[in-house]
């Protein structure tokens, strides 16, 4: 699941990710945050997700990525890959 909000928390859209991505289109210039989560808690954001527009690795912190569209120039849309990996499991025998 994923949600897209303005930096101040106003929800723009929320729903399931498709192929591990959330598609972002026609955003006016500004600051936004994407939050991702697995409702079954089987996956978490890994160290790397990528977008073509950022030309580098995105770092999700606490399942959230914030970005500023002004840094991309005139971009009509982008797909943000969350980089989900299997959630670590606690093993009580290992302490």
Protein backbone atom coordinates (compact mmCIF):
# COMPACT_ATOMS: atom_id res chain seq x y z
CA UNK A 1 0.00 0.00 0.00
CA UNK A 2 1.11 3.56 -0.56
CA UNK A 3 -0.06 7.08 0.06
CA UNK A 4 0.98 10.41 -1.41
CA UNK A 5 0.60 13.56 0.67
CA UNK A 6 1.76 17.13 0.63
CA UNK A 7 4.69 17.81 2.95
CA UNK A 8 2.21 19.25 5.50
CA UNK A 9 0.17 16.02 5.53
CA UNK A 10 -2.75 16.67 3.14
CA UNK A 11 -3.58 13.30 1.53
CA UNK A 12 -3.57 13.36 -2.28
CA UNK A 13 -4.06 9.66 -3.00
CA UNK A 14 -3.77 6.27 -1.35
CA UNK A 15 -3.99 2.72 -2.62
CA UNK A 16 -2.14 -0.44 -3.55
CA UNK A 17 1.24 -0.27 -5.25
CA UNK A 18 1.50 -1.83 -8.69
CA UNK A 19 4.65 -3.86 -9.22
CA UNK A 20 6.22 -2.32 -6.13
CA UNK A 21 5.73 1.21 -7.45
CA UNK A 22 3.52 4.21 -6.82
CA UNK A 23 2.83 6.33 -9.88
CA UNK A 24 2.84 10.10 -9.38
CA UNK A 25 1.37 12.28 -12.12
CA UNK A 26 0.58 15.95 -12.74
CA UNK A 27 1.79 17.30 -9.41
CA UNK A 28 2.08 21.05 -9.12
CA UNK A 29 5.51 22.26 -7.97
CA UNK A 30 6.03 21.66 -4.28
CA UNK A 31 7.07 19.26 -1.56
CA UNK A 32 5.48 15.83 -1.17
CA UNK A 33 5.89 12.63 0.83
CA UNK A 34 5.21 9.03 -0.17
CA UNK A 35 4.55 6.49 2.59
CA UNK A 36 4.54 2.76 1.87
CA UNK A 37 3.58 -0.22 4.01
CA UNK A 38 2.60 -3.86 3.80
CA UNK A 39 -0.72 -4.50 5.58
CA UNK A 40 0.42 -8.08 6.30
CA UNK A 41 3.78 -6.90 7.72
CA UNK A 42 5.67 -9.37 5.54
CA UNK A 43 7.67 -6.66 3.72
CA UNK A 44 9.37 -3.40 4.71
CA UNK A 45 11.19 -0.76 2.70
CA UNK A 46 14.70 -1.86 1.90
CA UNK A 47 17.72 0.35 1.60
CA UNK A 48 17.13 1.26 -2.06
CA UNK A 49 14.28 2.26 -4.34
CA UNK A 50 14.83 4.24 -7.53
CA UNK A 51 13.12 6.72 -9.82
CA UNK A 52 14.25 7.78 -13.26
CA UNK A 53 13.75 11.44 -12.36
CA UNK A 54 15.98 11.41 -9.29
CA UNK A 55 18.87 9.66 -11.10
CA UNK A 56 20.03 8.20 -7.81
CA UNK A 57 18.91 5.92 -5.04
CA UNK A 58 16.01 7.04 -2.91
CA UNK A 59 16.31 6.42 0.78
CA UNK A 60 13.03 5.68 2.49
CA UNK A 61 13.22 6.54 6.20
CA UNK A 62 10.62 4.85 8.38
CA UNK A 63 8.76 3.79 5.21
CA UNK A 64 8.58 7.39 3.97
CA UNK A 65 10.24 9.32 1.15
CA UNK A 66 9.86 13.11 0.84
CA UNK A 67 10.82 15.00 -2.30
CA UNK A 68 10.53 18.40 -3.97
CA UNK A 69 9.17 18.47 -7.54
CA UNK A 70 10.99 21.77 -8.18
CA UNK A 71 14.28 19.85 -8.40
CA UNK A 72 13.05 17.87 -11.43
CA UNK A 73 12.20 20.72 -13.79
CA UNK A 74 9.08 20.17 -15.90
CA UNK A 75 8.15 16.58 -14.99
CA UNK A 76 4.60 15.41 -15.74
CA UNK A 77 4.92 12.22 -13.73
CA UNK A 78 7.19 9.59 -12.23
CA UNK A 79 7.11 6.11 -10.79
CA UNK A 80 8.67 5.67 -7.36
CA UNK A 81 9.93 2.20 -6.50
CA UNK A 82 9.67 1.44 -2.83
CA UNK A 83 12.38 -1.22 -2.74
CA UNK A 84 10.40 -3.58 -0.51
CA UNK A 85 12.25 -6.53 1.07
CA UNK A 86 11.10 -9.35 3.34
CA UNK A 87 10.66 -8.12 6.90
CA UNK A 88 13.20 -9.49 9.37
CA UNK A 89 11.81 -12.01 11.80
CA UNK A 90 12.80 -12.10 15.43
CA UNK A 91 14.29 -15.44 16.42
CA UNK A 92 14.01 -15.88 20.21
CA UNK A 93 16.62 -18.68 20.21
CA UNK A 94 19.27 -16.29 18.88
CA UNK A 95 18.58 -13.72 21.60
